[in-house]
């Protein structure tokens, strides 16, 4: 990537531009291209939506490279694209503020599909294994894969079904502690997962909120 050019401090401060390599590295580690991480980072730090030619100048990139990266970011709903309010036929781009929706879309479009495919393959191959040792090995893989799928579906459902998922996410450490204390043996854990971890989570969040309001009423 070419060296970034100087830009108006009101759009992105130079100090913030120094963090872009971390976005590049993170995106690369989770399966995206470094350029997509850099562009997303610029849009996160930008004080206003940017046109593609502005992104090109900031990062010293070519038009085709920026256009391709923007398409990928849009596919996973990491960015939102609008018509320019004053210039016809010009599009401007900004980072999507809804981070949980971004994660949900990545999980749905990539991880969940891969997990489901591997789960199906494991299930099919299990039919042709007859000795107990290999059956146990494949069954453990299948159980773990199903658990991973349940967690992925849980993340997706949180972003869809809660008006404010961030309230629930902030309380997640408290929820996991309650779940750990309430599910005391392996049978309860299995039952809790199969009966719907999502419902347990939402119920506990509601309980915590009710207790919070009750305590506030007492304090008043």
C-alpha atoms as a PDB file:
ATOM      1  CA  UNK A   1       0.000   0.000   0.000  1.00  0.00           C
ATOM      2  CA  UNK A   2       1.294   3.458  -0.866  1.00  0.00           C
ATOM      3  CA  UNK A   3       2.020   5.980   1.847  1.00  0.00           C
ATOM      4  CA  UNK A   4      -1.140   7.828   2.892  1.00  0.00           C
ATOM      5  CA  UNK A   5      -1.319  11.493   1.910  1.00  0.00           C
ATOM      6  CA  UNK A   6      -2.041  14.413   4.232  1.00  0.00           C
ATOM      7  CA  UNK A   7      -5.706  15.152   4.805  1.00  0.00           C
ATOM      8  CA  UNK A   8      -7.978  17.553   6.608  1.00  0.00           C
ATOM      9  CA  UNK A   9      -7.662  16.955  10.353  1.00  0.00           C
ATOM     10  CA  UNK A  10     -11.420  17.483  10.686  1.00  0.00           C
ATOM     11  CA  UNK A  11     -12.028  14.296   8.688  1.00  0.00           C
ATOM     12  CA  UNK A  12      -9.484  11.937  10.243  1.00  0.00           C
ATOM     13  CA  UNK A  13      -6.765  13.009  12.646  1.00  0.00           C
ATOM     14  CA  UNK A  14      -3.250  11.924  11.679  1.00  0.00           C
ATOM     15  CA  UNK A  15      -2.870  10.153  15.010  1.00  0.00           C
ATOM     16  CA  UNK A  16      -5.858   7.946  14.189  1.00  0.00           C
ATOM     17  CA  UNK A  17      -4.395   7.044  10.798  1.00  0.00           C
ATOM     18  CA  UNK A  18      -1.523   5.417  12.682  1.00  0.00           C
ATOM     19  CA  UNK A  19      -3.963   2.760  13.902  1.00  0.00           C
ATOM     20  CA  UNK A  20      -4.921   1.607  10.388  1.00  0.00           C
ATOM     21  CA  UNK A  21      -2.229  -1.126  10.235  1.00  0.00           C
ATOM     22  CA  UNK A  22      -3.980  -2.764  13.190  1.00  0.00           C
ATOM     23  CA  UNK A  23      -7.233  -2.851  11.202  1.00  0.00           C
ATOM     24  CA  UNK A  24      -5.338  -4.352   8.265  1.00  0.00           C
ATOM     25  CA  UNK A  25      -3.775  -7.027  10.468  1.00  0.00           C
ATOM     26  CA  UNK A  26      -7.057  -7.897  12.191  1.00  0.00           C
ATOM     27  CA  UNK A  27      -8.991  -8.200   8.926  1.00  0.00           C
ATOM     28  CA  UNK A  28      -6.227 -10.356   7.454  1.00  0.00           C
ATOM     29  CA  UNK A  29      -6.324 -12.724  10.439  1.00  0.00           C
ATOM     30  CA  UNK A  30     -10.103 -13.243  10.164  1.00  0.00           C
ATOM     31  CA  UNK A  31     -10.053 -13.992   6.432  1.00  0.00           C
ATOM     32  CA  UNK A  32     -10.456 -10.603   4.760  1.00  0.00           C
ATOM     33  CA  UNK A  33      -7.954  -8.600   2.725  1.00  0.00           C
ATOM     34  CA  UNK A  34      -5.711  -6.040   4.379  1.00  0.00           C
ATOM     35  CA  UNK A  35      -6.997  -3.313   2.051  1.00  0.00           C
ATOM     36  CA  UNK A  36     -10.545  -3.976   3.277  1.00  0.00           C
ATOM     37  CA  UNK A  37      -9.369  -3.489   6.839  1.00  0.00           C
ATOM     38  CA  UNK A  38      -7.641  -0.222   5.950  1.00  0.00           C
ATOM     39  CA  UNK A  39     -10.704   1.183   4.199  1.00  0.00           C
ATOM     40  CA  UNK A  40     -13.024   0.114   6.999  1.00  0.00           C
ATOM     41  CA  UNK A  41     -10.664   1.734   9.505  1.00  0.00           C
ATOM     42  CA  UNK A  42     -10.690   5.010   7.573  1.00  0.00           C
ATOM     43  CA  UNK A  43     -14.493   5.020   7.517  1.00  0.00           C
ATOM     44  CA  UNK A  44     -14.648   4.209  11.241  1.00  0.00           C
ATOM     45  CA  UNK A  45     -12.371   7.129  12.076  1.00  0.00           C
ATOM     46  CA  UNK A  46     -13.796   9.562   9.517  1.00  0.00           C
ATOM     47  CA  UNK A  47     -15.907  12.391  10.906  1.00  0.00           C
ATOM     48  CA  UNK A  48     -18.182  12.254   7.844  1.00  0.00           C
ATOM     49  CA  UNK A  49     -19.076   9.885   4.975  1.00  0.00           C
ATOM     50  CA  UNK A  50     -16.417   9.690   2.260  1.00  0.00           C
ATOM     51  CA  UNK A  51     -16.555   9.340  -1.509  1.00  0.00           C
ATOM     52  CA  UNK A  52     -14.404   6.636  -3.081  1.00  0.00           C
ATOM     53  CA  UNK A  53     -11.972   9.167  -4.571  1.00  0.00           C
ATOM     54  CA  UNK A  54     -11.382  10.602  -1.088  1.00  0.00           C
ATOM     55  CA  UNK A  55     -10.578   7.124   0.207  1.00  0.00           C
ATOM     56  CA  UNK A  56      -8.197   6.647  -2.721  1.00  0.00           C
ATOM     57  CA  UNK A  57      -6.340   9.847  -1.838  1.00  0.00           C
ATOM     58  CA  UNK A  58      -6.190   9.121   1.879  1.00  0.00           C
ATOM     59  CA  UNK A  59      -4.722   5.641   1.406  1.00  0.00           C
ATOM     60  CA  UNK A  60      -2.917   6.150  -1.904  1.00  0.00           C
ATOM     61  CA  UNK A  61      -4.888   3.373  -3.590  1.00  0.00           C
ATOM     62  CA  UNK A  62      -6.211   2.861  -7.111  1.00  0.00           C
ATOM     63  CA  UNK A  63      -9.879   3.256  -8.038  1.00  0.00           C
ATOM     64  CA  UNK A  64     -10.401  -0.455  -8.932  1.00  0.00           C
ATOM     65  CA  UNK A  65      -8.845  -1.579  -5.642  1.00  0.00           C
ATOM     66  CA  UNK A  66     -11.048   0.726  -3.569  1.00  0.00           C
ATOM     67  CA  UNK A  67     -14.170  -0.162  -5.554  1.00  0.00           C
ATOM     68  CA  UNK A  68     -13.597  -3.901  -5.064  1.00  0.00           C
ATOM     69  CA  UNK A  69     -12.986  -3.512  -1.330  1.00  0.00           C
ATOM     70  CA  UNK A  70     -16.088  -1.356  -0.882  1.00  0.00           C
ATOM     71  CA  UNK A  71     -18.202  -4.048  -2.548  1.00  0.00           C
ATOM     72  CA  UNK A  72     -16.909  -6.654  -0.102  1.00  0.00           C
ATOM     73  CA  UNK A  73     -17.525  -4.404   2.895  1.00  0.00           C
ATOM     74  CA  UNK A  74     -21.050  -3.692   1.639  1.00  0.00           C
ATOM     75  CA  UNK A  75     -21.750  -7.420   1.204  1.00  0.00           C
ATOM     76  CA  UNK A  76     -21.103  -7.975   4.897  1.00  0.00           C
ATOM     77  CA  UNK A  77     -22.965  -4.766   5.817  1.00  0.00           C
ATOM     78  CA  UNK A  78     -19.848  -3.237   7.347  1.00  0.00           C
ATOM     79  CA  UNK A  79     -20.522   0.006   5.506  1.00  0.00           C
ATOM     80  CA  UNK A  80     -23.570   2.022   4.471  1.00  0.00           C
ATOM     81  CA  UNK A  81     -23.645   3.755   1.083  1.00  0.00           C
ATOM     82  CA  UNK A  82     -25.733   6.849   0.314  1.00  0.00           C
ATOM     83  CA  UNK A  83     -26.251   9.222  -2.585  1.00  0.00           C
ATOM     84  CA  UNK A  84     -24.283  12.430  -2.164  1.00  0.00           C
ATOM     85  CA  UNK A  85     -26.731  15.141  -1.002  1.00  0.00           C
ATOM     86  CA  UNK A  86     -25.373  17.708  -3.472  1.00  0.00           C
ATOM     87  CA  UNK A  87     -23.428  15.953  -6.228  1.00  0.00           C
ATOM     88  CA  UNK A  88     -25.463  13.814  -8.626  1.00  0.00           C
ATOM     89  CA  UNK A  89     -24.301  10.256  -9.363  1.00  0.00           C
ATOM     90  CA  UNK A  90     -21.780  10.365  -6.529  1.00  0.00           C
ATOM     91  CA  UNK A  91     -21.930   7.810  -3.732  1.00  0.00           C
ATOM     92  CA  UNK A  92     -20.581   8.357  -0.242  1.00  0.00           C
ATOM     93  CA  UNK A  93     -19.727   5.663   2.280  1.00  0.00           C
ATOM     94  CA  UNK A  94     -19.667   5.422   6.064  1.00  0.00           C
ATOM     95  CA  UNK A  95     -18.991   2.686   8.606  1.00  0.00           C
ATOM     96  CA  UNK A  96     -22.024   0.850   9.929  1.00  0.00           C
ATOM     97  CA  UNK A  97     -22.484   1.795  13.601  1.00  0.00           C
ATOM     98  CA  UNK A  98     -24.310  -1.477  14.324  1.00  0.00           C
ATOM     99  CA  UNK A  99     -21.293  -3.647  15.171  1.00  0.00           C
ATOM    100  CA  UNK A 100     -23.314  -6.678  16.327  1.00  0.00           C
ATOM    101  CA  UNK A 101     -25.130  -6.682  12.986  1.00  0.00           C
ATOM    102  CA  UNK A 102     -21.755  -6.718  11.223  1.00  0.00           C
ATOM    103  CA  UNK A 103     -20.590  -9.701  13.278  1.00  0.00           C
ATOM    104  CA  UNK A 104     -23.938 -11.417  12.718  1.00  0.00           C
ATOM    105  CA  UNK A 105     -23.648 -11.049   8.947  1.00  0.00           C
ATOM    106  CA  UNK A 106     -20.074 -12.329   8.906  1.00  0.00           C
ATOM    107  CA  UNK A 107     -21.089 -15.350  10.978  1.00  0.00           C
ATOM    108  CA  UNK A 108     -24.159 -15.970   8.818  1.00  0.00           C
ATOM    109  CA  UNK A 109     -22.434 -15.607   5.447  1.00  0.00           C
ATOM    110  CA  UNK A 110     -19.166 -17.348   6.312  1.00  0.00           C
ATOM    111  CA  UNK A 111     -18.714 -19.235   9.573  1.00  0.00           C
ATOM    112  CA  UNK A 112     -22.221 -20.698   9.866  1.00  0.00           C
ATOM    113  CA  UNK A 113     -22.168 -22.015   6.308  1.00  0.00           C
ATOM    114  CA  UNK A 114     -18.764 -23.655   6.859  1.00  0.00           C
ATOM    115  CA  UNK A 115     -19.838 -25.153  10.195  1.00  0.00           C
ATOM    116  CA  UNK A 116     -23.060 -26.575   8.734  1.00  0.00           C
ATOM    117  CA  UNK A 117     -21.183 -28.115   5.810  1.00  0.00           C
ATOM    118  CA  UNK A 118     -18.664 -29.782   8.127  1.00  0.00           C
ATOM    119  CA  UNK A 119     -21.471 -30.974  10.403  1.00  0.00           C
ATOM    120  CA  UNK A 120     -23.249 -32.631   7.464  1.00  0.00           C
ATOM    121  CA  UNK A 121     -20.054 -34.311   6.263  1.00  0.00           C
ATOM    122  CA  UNK A 122     -19.335 -35.655   9.751  1.00  0.00           C
ATOM    123  CA  UNK A 123     -22.910 -36.933  10.086  1.00  0.00           C
ATOM    124  CA  UNK A 124     -22.712 -38.716   6.732  1.00  0.00           C
ATOM    125  CA  UNK A 125     -19.329 -40.320   7.394  1.00  0.00           C
ATOM    126  CA  UNK A 126     -20.532 -41.596  10.770  1.00  0.00           C
ATOM    127  CA  UNK A 127     -22.899 -43.966   8.937  1.00  0.00           C
ATOM    128  CA  UNK A 128     -19.965 -45.909   7.509  1.00  0.00           C
ATOM    129  CA  UNK A 129     -18.056 -46.370  10.774  1.00  0.00           C
ATOM    130  CA  UNK A 130     -18.862 -49.413  12.923  1.00  0.00           C
ATOM    131  CA  UNK A 131     -16.143 -49.690  15.566  1.00  0.00           C
ATOM    132  CA  UNK A 132     -16.683 -47.869  18.852  1.00  0.00           C
ATOM    133  CA  UNK A 133     -13.382 -45.994  18.894  1.00  0.00           C
ATOM    134  CA  UNK A 134     -13.988 -44.158  15.623  1.00  0.00           C
ATOM    135  CA  UNK A 135     -17.679 -43.723  16.403  1.00  0.00           C
ATOM    136  CA  UNK A 136     -16.773 -41.935  19.621  1.00  0.00           C
ATOM    137  CA  UNK A 137     -14.221 -39.762  17.822  1.00  0.00           C
ATOM    138  CA  UNK A 138     -16.679 -38.697  15.123  1.00  0.00           C
ATOM    139  CA  UNK A 139     -19.520 -38.261  17.613  1.00  0.00           C
ATOM    140  CA  UNK A 140     -17.371 -35.888  19.668  1.00  0.00           C
ATOM    141  CA  UNK A 141     -16.570 -33.895  16.537  1.00  0.00           C
ATOM    142  CA  UNK A 142     -20.257 -33.808  15.596  1.00  0.00           C
ATOM    143  CA  UNK A 143     -21.318 -32.688  19.076  1.00  0.00           C
ATOM    144  CA  UNK A 144     -18.721 -29.925  19.119  1.00  0.00           C
ATOM    145  CA  UNK A 145     -19.704 -28.784  15.631  1.00  0.00           C
ATOM    146  CA  UNK A 146     -23.360 -28.611  16.637  1.00  0.00           C
ATOM    147  CA  UNK A 147     -22.405 -26.587  19.698  1.00  0.00           C
ATOM    148  CA  UNK A 148     -20.464 -24.162  17.472  1.00  0.00           C
ATOM    149  CA  UNK A 149     -23.495 -23.885  15.181  1.00  0.00           C
ATOM    150  CA  UNK A 150     -25.754 -23.150  18.170  1.00  0.00           C
ATOM    151  CA  UNK A 151     -23.442 -20.359  19.312  1.00  0.00           C
ATOM    152  CA  UNK A 152     -23.365 -18.910  15.793  1.00  0.00           C
ATOM    153  CA  UNK A 153     -27.161 -18.998  15.536  1.00  0.00           C
ATOM    154  CA  UNK A 154     -27.339 -17.422  18.990  1.00  0.00           C
ATOM    155  CA  UNK A 155     -25.243 -14.446  17.829  1.00  0.00           C
ATOM    156  CA  UNK A 156     -27.453 -14.029  14.766  1.00  0.00           C
ATOM    157  CA  UNK A 157     -30.665 -14.222  16.808  1.00  0.00           C
ATOM    158  CA  UNK A 158     -29.436 -11.620  19.309  1.00  0.00           C
ATOM    159  CA  UNK A 159     -28.937  -9.058  16.542  1.00  0.00           C
ATOM    160  CA  UNK A 160     -32.377  -9.775  15.074  1.00  0.00           C
ATOM    161  CA  UNK A 161     -34.636 -10.172  18.089  1.00  0.00           C
ATOM    162  CA  UNK A 162     -33.505  -7.531  20.558  1.00  0.00           C
ATOM    163  CA  UNK A 163     -34.298  -3.851  20.129  1.00  0.00           C
ATOM    164  CA  UNK A 164     -31.088  -2.981  21.943  1.00  0.00           C
ATOM    165  CA  UNK A 165     -28.689  -5.953  21.716  1.00  0.00           C
ATOM    166  CA  UNK A 166     -25.866  -3.936  23.269  1.00  0.00           C
ATOM    167  CA  UNK A 167     -27.616  -3.884  26.633  1.00  0.00           C
ATOM    168  CA  UNK A 168     -27.649  -7.682  26.524  1.00  0.00           C
ATOM    169  CA  UNK A 169     -24.039  -7.909  25.353  1.00  0.00           C
ATOM    170  CA  UNK A 170     -22.853  -5.652  28.169  1.00  0.00           C
ATOM    171  CA  UNK A 171     -24.517  -7.984  30.665  1.00  0.00           C
ATOM    172  CA  UNK A 172     -23.215 -11.173  29.058  1.00  0.00           C
ATOM    173  CA  UNK A 173     -20.462 -11.742  31.683  1.00  0.00           C
ATOM    174  CA  UNK A 174     -23.128 -11.534  34.404  1.00  0.00           C
ATOM    175  CA  UNK A 175     -25.380 -13.892  32.442  1.00  0.00           C
ATOM    176  CA  UNK A 176     -22.679 -16.524  31.977  1.00  0.00           C
ATOM    177  CA  UNK A 177     -21.953 -16.386  35.702  1.00  0.00           C
ATOM    178  CA  UNK A 178     -25.630 -16.970  36.506  1.00  0.00           C
ATOM    179  CA  UNK A 179     -25.789 -19.816  33.981  1.00  0.00           C
ATOM    180  CA  UNK A 180     -22.676 -21.403  35.463  1.00  0.00           C
ATOM    181  CA  UNK A 181     -24.113 -21.260  38.970  1.00  0.00           C
ATOM    182  CA  UNK A 182     -27.560 -22.518  37.959  1.00  0.00           C
ATOM    183  CA  UNK A 183     -26.445 -25.375  35.691  1.00  0.00           C
ATOM    184  CA  UNK A 184     -24.593 -27.440  38.252  1.00  0.00           C
ATOM    185  CA  UNK A 185     -24.174 -30.758  36.477  1.00  0.00           C
ATOM    186  CA  UNK A 186     -23.599 -31.996  32.960  1.00  0.00           C
ATOM    187  CA  UNK A 187     -27.186 -33.160  32.465  1.00  0.00           C
ATOM    188  CA  UNK A 188     -28.475 -29.684  33.258  1.00  0.00           C
ATOM    189  CA  UNK A 189     -25.934 -28.179  30.871  1.00  0.00           C
ATOM    190  CA  UNK A 190     -27.039 -30.497  28.070  1.00  0.00           C
ATOM    191  CA  UNK A 191     -30.679 -29.761  28.820  1.00  0.00           C
ATOM    192  CA  UNK A 192     -30.032 -26.020  28.906  1.00  0.00           C
ATOM    193  CA  UNK A 193     -28.320 -26.072  25.524  1.00  0.00           C
ATOM    194  CA  UNK A 194     -30.859 -28.273  23.774  1.00  0.00           C
ATOM    195  CA  UNK A 195     -33.868 -26.431  25.206  1.00  0.00           C
ATOM    196  CA  UNK A 196     -32.570 -23.112  23.946  1.00  0.00           C
ATOM    197  CA  UNK A 197     -29.577 -21.227  25.288  1.00  0.00           C
ATOM    198  CA  UNK A 198     -30.953 -18.116  23.648  1.00  0.00           C
ATOM    199  CA  UNK A 199     -34.154 -18.198  25.721  1.00  0.00           C
ATOM    200  CA  UNK A 200     -32.172 -18.701  28.922  1.00  0.00           C
ATOM    201  CA  UNK A 201     -29.974 -15.761  28.062  1.00  0.00           C
ATOM    202  CA  UNK A 202     -32.887 -13.434  27.320  1.00  0.00           C
ATOM    203  CA  UNK A 203     -34.736 -14.484  30.480  1.00  0.00           C
ATOM    204  CA  UNK A 204     -31.691 -13.831  32.650  1.00  0.00           C
ATOM    205  CA  UNK A 205     -31.150 -10.415  31.057  1.00  0.00           C
ATOM    206  CA  UNK A 206     -34.768  -9.569  31.837  1.00  0.00           C
ATOM    207  CA  UNK A 207     -34.326 -10.769  35.424  1.00  0.00           C
ATOM    208  CA  UNK A 208     -31.222  -8.628  35.891  1.00  0.00           C
ATOM    209  CA  UNK A 209     -33.044  -5.582  34.525  1.00  0.00           C
ATOM    210  CA  UNK A 210     -36.026  -6.159  36.838  1.00  0.00           C
ATOM    211  CA  UNK A 211     -33.751  -6.495  39.858  1.00  0.00           C
ATOM    212  CA  UNK A 212     -31.963  -3.312  38.837  1.00  0.00           C
ATOM    213  CA  UNK A 213     -35.246  -1.381  38.663  1.00  0.00           C
ATOM    214  CA  UNK A 214     -36.382  -2.853  41.993  1.00  0.00           C
ATOM    215  CA  UNK A 215     -33.155  -1.797  43.691  1.00  0.00           C
ATOM    216  CA  UNK A 216     -33.465   1.693  42.246  1.00  0.00           C
ATOM    217  CA  UNK A 217     -36.988   1.912  43.660  1.00  0.00           C
ATOM    218  CA  UNK A 218     -35.770   0.882  47.119  1.00  0.00           C
ATOM    219  CA  UNK A 219     -32.936   3.406  47.024  1.00  0.00           C
ATOM    220  CA  UNK A 220     -35.360   6.155  46.147  1.00  0.00           C
END
